[in-house]
């Protein structure tokens, strides 16, 4: 998803997440799928490469809680 936010034709990042969430509103994906799309999948990928990737960041505790629940 981050590639969508940083894409050259995104003039206002405030619109990207609400537009992505439209997939939930339209029944294309579930809320759980959206959470994985936006958070879970990137966390799994980045921590599999470097378990300390989020250490010292604002979301470190969220990542730890997610990974604990995901185990």
N, C-alpha and C. Protein backbone atom coordinates (compact mmCIF):
# COMPACT_ATOMS: atom_id res chain seq x y z
N UNK A 1 0.81 -1.20 0.00
CA UNK A 1 0.00 0.00 0.00
C UNK A 1 0.85 1.26 0.00
N UNK A 2 1.99 1.21 0.64
CA UNK A 2 2.82 2.43 0.72
C UNK A 2 3.20 2.94 -0.66
N UNK A 3 3.32 2.05 -1.62
CA UNK A 3 3.64 2.52 -2.97
C UNK A 3 2.51 3.36 -3.54
N UNK A 4 1.27 3.07 -3.13
CA UNK A 4 0.14 3.88 -3.58
C UNK A 4 0.20 5.28 -2.98
N UNK A 5 0.55 5.39 -1.69
CA UNK A 5 0.62 6.69 -1.03
C UNK A 5 1.71 7.55 -1.65
N UNK A 6 2.83 6.95 -1.99
CA UNK A 6 3.95 7.71 -2.54
C UNK A 6 3.94 7.81 -4.05
N UNK A 7 2.87 7.37 -4.69
CA UNK A 7 2.82 7.40 -6.15
C UNK A 7 2.86 8.83 -6.66
N UNK A 8 3.44 9.03 -7.80
CA UNK A 8 3.67 10.37 -8.35
C UNK A 8 2.38 11.17 -8.56
N UNK A 9 1.26 10.48 -8.79
CA UNK A 9 0.04 11.23 -9.09
C UNK A 9 -0.86 11.46 -7.87
N UNK A 10 -0.35 11.17 -6.67
CA UNK A 10 -1.12 11.43 -5.45
C UNK A 10 -0.84 12.86 -5.02
N UNK A 11 -1.82 13.71 -5.21
CA UNK A 11 -1.63 15.12 -4.87
C UNK A 11 -2.00 15.43 -3.42
N UNK A 12 -2.80 14.55 -2.80
CA UNK A 12 -3.23 14.77 -1.42
C UNK A 12 -3.34 13.42 -0.73
N UNK A 13 -2.40 13.12 0.18
CA UNK A 13 -2.37 11.81 0.84
C UNK A 13 -3.59 11.57 1.72
N UNK A 14 -4.29 12.62 2.11
CA UNK A 14 -5.48 12.47 2.95
C UNK A 14 -6.60 11.69 2.25
N UNK A 15 -6.52 11.59 0.94
CA UNK A 15 -7.57 10.92 0.19
C UNK A 15 -7.27 9.43 -0.06
N UNK A 16 -6.04 9.02 0.09
CA UNK A 16 -5.63 7.67 -0.29
C UNK A 16 -6.25 6.60 0.62
N UNK A 17 -6.15 6.78 1.92
CA UNK A 17 -6.67 5.76 2.85
C UNK A 17 -8.19 5.66 2.77
N UNK A 18 -8.92 6.79 2.79
CA UNK A 18 -10.38 6.66 2.64
C UNK A 18 -10.78 5.98 1.33
N UNK A 19 -10.05 6.25 0.26
CA UNK A 19 -10.36 5.58 -1.01
C UNK A 19 -10.08 4.10 -0.92
N UNK A 20 -9.00 3.72 -0.26
CA UNK A 20 -8.69 2.30 -0.09
C UNK A 20 -9.77 1.63 0.75
N UNK A 21 -10.27 2.34 1.76
CA UNK A 21 -11.30 1.77 2.64
C UNK A 21 -12.62 1.53 1.90
N UNK A 22 -12.80 2.19 0.78
CA UNK A 22 -14.00 1.97 -0.02
C UNK A 22 -14.15 0.50 -0.41
N UNK A 23 -13.04 -0.22 -0.48
CA UNK A 23 -13.12 -1.66 -0.79
C UNK A 23 -13.90 -2.41 0.28
N UNK A 24 -13.79 -1.95 1.53
CA UNK A 24 -14.57 -2.55 2.63
C UNK A 24 -16.03 -2.14 2.49
N UNK A 25 -16.26 -0.87 2.26
CA UNK A 25 -17.62 -0.35 2.13
C UNK A 25 -18.39 -0.99 0.97
N UNK A 26 -17.65 -1.34 -0.07
CA UNK A 26 -18.28 -1.95 -1.25
C UNK A 26 -18.32 -3.47 -1.17
N UNK A 27 -17.83 -4.05 -0.06
CA UNK A 27 -17.88 -5.49 0.12
C UNK A 27 -16.83 -6.27 -0.65
N UNK A 28 -15.82 -5.58 -1.15
CA UNK A 28 -14.75 -6.26 -1.89
C UNK A 28 -13.82 -6.99 -0.93
N UNK A 29 -13.63 -6.43 0.24
CA UNK A 29 -12.83 -7.08 1.29
C UNK A 29 -13.46 -6.83 2.64
N UNK A 30 -13.11 -7.68 3.60
CA UNK A 30 -13.62 -7.51 4.96
C UNK A 30 -12.76 -6.50 5.71
N UNK A 31 -13.26 -6.06 6.86
CA UNK A 31 -12.48 -5.16 7.71
C UNK A 31 -11.18 -5.84 8.15
N UNK A 32 -11.23 -7.14 8.40
CA UNK A 32 -10.02 -7.89 8.79
C UNK A 32 -9.03 -7.94 7.63
N UNK A 33 -9.54 -8.14 6.41
CA UNK A 33 -8.66 -8.12 5.23
C UNK A 33 -7.99 -6.76 5.09
N UNK A 34 -8.77 -5.70 5.32
CA UNK A 34 -8.23 -4.34 5.20
C UNK A 34 -7.14 -4.10 6.24
N UNK A 35 -7.37 -4.58 7.46
CA UNK A 35 -6.35 -4.43 8.51
C UNK A 35 -5.06 -5.12 8.09
N UNK A 36 -5.18 -6.32 7.54
CA UNK A 36 -3.98 -7.01 7.06
C UNK A 36 -3.33 -6.26 5.91
N UNK A 37 -4.13 -5.75 4.99
CA UNK A 37 -3.63 -5.00 3.85
C UNK A 37 -2.84 -3.77 4.28
N UNK A 38 -3.36 -3.06 5.27
CA UNK A 38 -2.76 -1.81 5.70
C UNK A 38 -1.70 -1.95 6.79
N UNK A 39 -1.82 -2.98 7.61
CA UNK A 39 -0.96 -3.08 8.80
C UNK A 39 -0.32 -4.47 8.94
N UNK A 40 -1.13 -5.49 8.99
CA UNK A 40 -0.62 -6.82 9.29
C UNK A 40 0.41 -7.34 8.31
N UNK A 41 0.10 -7.25 7.02
CA UNK A 41 1.04 -7.78 6.02
C UNK A 41 2.38 -7.03 6.04
N UNK A 42 2.37 -5.69 6.08
CA UNK A 42 3.66 -4.99 6.16
C UNK A 42 4.43 -5.32 7.45
N UNK A 43 3.71 -5.44 8.57
CA UNK A 43 4.38 -5.78 9.83
C UNK A 43 5.02 -7.17 9.73
N UNK A 44 4.26 -8.13 9.22
CA UNK A 44 4.81 -9.49 9.08
C UNK A 44 6.05 -9.50 8.18
N UNK A 45 5.96 -8.82 7.05
CA UNK A 45 7.08 -8.82 6.11
C UNK A 45 8.31 -8.15 6.72
N UNK A 46 8.13 -6.94 7.27
CA UNK A 46 9.28 -6.19 7.76
C UNK A 46 9.91 -6.82 9.00
N UNK A 47 9.11 -7.39 9.88
CA UNK A 47 9.67 -8.02 11.08
C UNK A 47 10.27 -9.38 10.77
N UNK A 48 9.83 -10.02 9.68
CA UNK A 48 10.46 -11.29 9.30
C UNK A 48 11.88 -11.05 8.80
N UNK A 49 12.11 -9.89 8.23
CA UNK A 49 13.44 -9.53 7.75
C UNK A 49 14.30 -8.94 8.86
N UNK A 50 13.66 -8.21 9.77
CA UNK A 50 14.37 -7.56 10.87
C UNK A 50 13.40 -7.46 12.05
N UNK A 51 13.49 -8.36 13.03
CA UNK A 51 12.55 -8.35 14.15
C UNK A 51 12.49 -7.01 14.91
N UNK A 52 13.53 -6.22 14.83
CA UNK A 52 13.58 -4.93 15.53
C UNK A 52 13.22 -3.75 14.62
N UNK A 53 12.64 -4.02 13.49
CA UNK A 53 12.37 -2.96 12.51
C UNK A 53 11.59 -1.79 13.11
N UNK A 54 10.62 -2.07 13.97
CA UNK A 54 9.77 -1.01 14.53
C UNK A 54 10.23 -0.54 15.91
N UNK A 55 11.35 -1.06 16.37
CA UNK A 55 11.86 -0.68 17.69
C UNK A 55 12.14 0.82 17.73
N UNK A 56 11.60 1.47 18.76
CA UNK A 56 11.82 2.89 18.94
C UNK A 56 10.85 3.77 18.16
N UNK A 57 9.90 3.15 17.46
CA UNK A 57 8.93 3.95 16.70
C UNK A 57 7.64 4.14 17.50
N UNK A 58 6.78 4.98 17.03
CA UNK A 58 5.50 5.24 17.70
C UNK A 58 4.58 4.04 17.71
N UNK A 59 4.79 3.11 16.80
CA UNK A 59 3.89 1.96 16.73
C UNK A 59 4.53 0.68 17.26
N UNK A 60 5.65 0.79 17.93
CA UNK A 60 6.34 -0.39 18.45
C UNK A 60 5.42 -1.25 19.32
N UNK A 61 4.68 -0.65 20.23
CA UNK A 61 3.81 -1.43 21.12
C UNK A 61 2.65 -2.05 20.34
N UNK A 62 2.14 -1.35 19.33
CA UNK A 62 1.07 -1.91 18.49
C UNK A 62 1.58 -3.12 17.71
N UNK A 63 2.79 -3.02 17.21
CA UNK A 63 3.40 -4.12 16.47
C UNK A 63 3.60 -5.32 17.38
N UNK A 64 4.13 -5.09 18.57
CA UNK A 64 4.33 -6.20 19.51
C UNK A 64 3.01 -6.88 19.85
N UNK A 65 1.97 -6.10 20.12
CA UNK A 65 0.67 -6.67 20.44
C UNK A 65 0.10 -7.45 19.25
N UNK A 66 0.27 -6.90 18.06
CA UNK A 66 -0.22 -7.58 16.86
C UNK A 66 0.49 -8.92 16.66
N UNK A 67 1.82 -8.90 16.75
CA UNK A 67 2.59 -10.12 16.53
C UNK A 67 2.27 -11.18 17.60
N UNK A 68 2.06 -10.75 18.81
CA UNK A 68 1.71 -11.68 19.89
C UNK A 68 0.35 -12.34 19.58
N UNK A 69 -0.62 -11.54 19.17
CA UNK A 69 -1.95 -12.06 18.85
C UNK A 69 -1.93 -12.89 17.57
N UNK A 70 -1.03 -12.58 16.67
CA UNK A 70 -0.95 -13.25 15.38
C UNK A 70 -0.26 -14.61 15.48
N UNK A 71 0.47 -14.83 16.58
CA UNK A 71 1.25 -16.07 16.72
C UNK A 71 0.38 -17.29 16.91
